[in-house]
Amino acid sequence: MAATPSFQDLRVVEEANKNKLFNMNKYLIVLGAMLIAMATPIRAQNTTTTQPKGLVVHIMIYSGISDPTFVIKDSAVIAKIMSGLRTLPAHPTLAAQSDTVVPAILGFKGFHIENYSGLYPEIISVSVYGANVELRRPQAPSADGAVPDSFREFHVDSADAPTEALLLAQAQLSGVLDAKLTAQIGHR
C-alpha cells in the first residue's frame, strides 16, 4: 500500500505544477504574439526610395539576376534622347496596350529607361529594342474619376536605330558594359 504523501510533499508538487503552468503560459503568450504578428498585414516601412536625378537605364540582358544599370545625369544627353523620342513616327504594327517591344528571348532584350530627370514629364519610361520604341506616358483621369497608371505608345526609330546606338554608347561610357557584354549585344 502506498504511503499517503505528506503536506510538505504536496507543497513541492504544487509548486512544481505552478512553475510548469507559469512556463506554459509564457509559451502561449509568445505563441499568441507570433500568430498575431503573422496574421497582421505587413506594412511597408517607407517605400519612397530616393531615385537618382536623371535617366536610370537598365540593359535588359540577364534572366534571373539583376541587369546592368547606369544613370545619365547630363542634361544635354537627356535632352538628345528624350527630344528625339518625341518626334518618332507611330509603329506600323504595335498598337494594343498588351503589345511590347521587349522580345521574349534569352540574351539582350533592349534598354529600359526610367525618367527621374525632372525633364520631359510627359514620358515616364521608355523601352528600346532595335528600331522599336515603347513610351509609357501618364494618363489623365477618365470621366468616372478613375486614374489609370499610364498608357503605352509604340513608335519606330529609323533603320539604323540611333536611340539604341546612343544608349549603347552611354552604357560603354559609364563603364557598365565590358567587351563581353558589348559583343553579346552586337551579335543579336
Foldseek 3Di string as FASTA:
>chain_A
DDDDDDPVVVVVVVVVVVVVVVVVVVVVVVVVVVVVVVPDDDDDDDPDDDDDAAKWKFFPFADPDGGQIDGDQPVVLRCVLVVVVVPFAADPPDDDQPDDQQDPDHGTRFMKIAHRNPPPLQFGIWTDDQQKIKTWGFDDADPVRDGDGTGITIGGHPNRRVSRVSVLVVCVVVVSDDPVSVVRSVPD
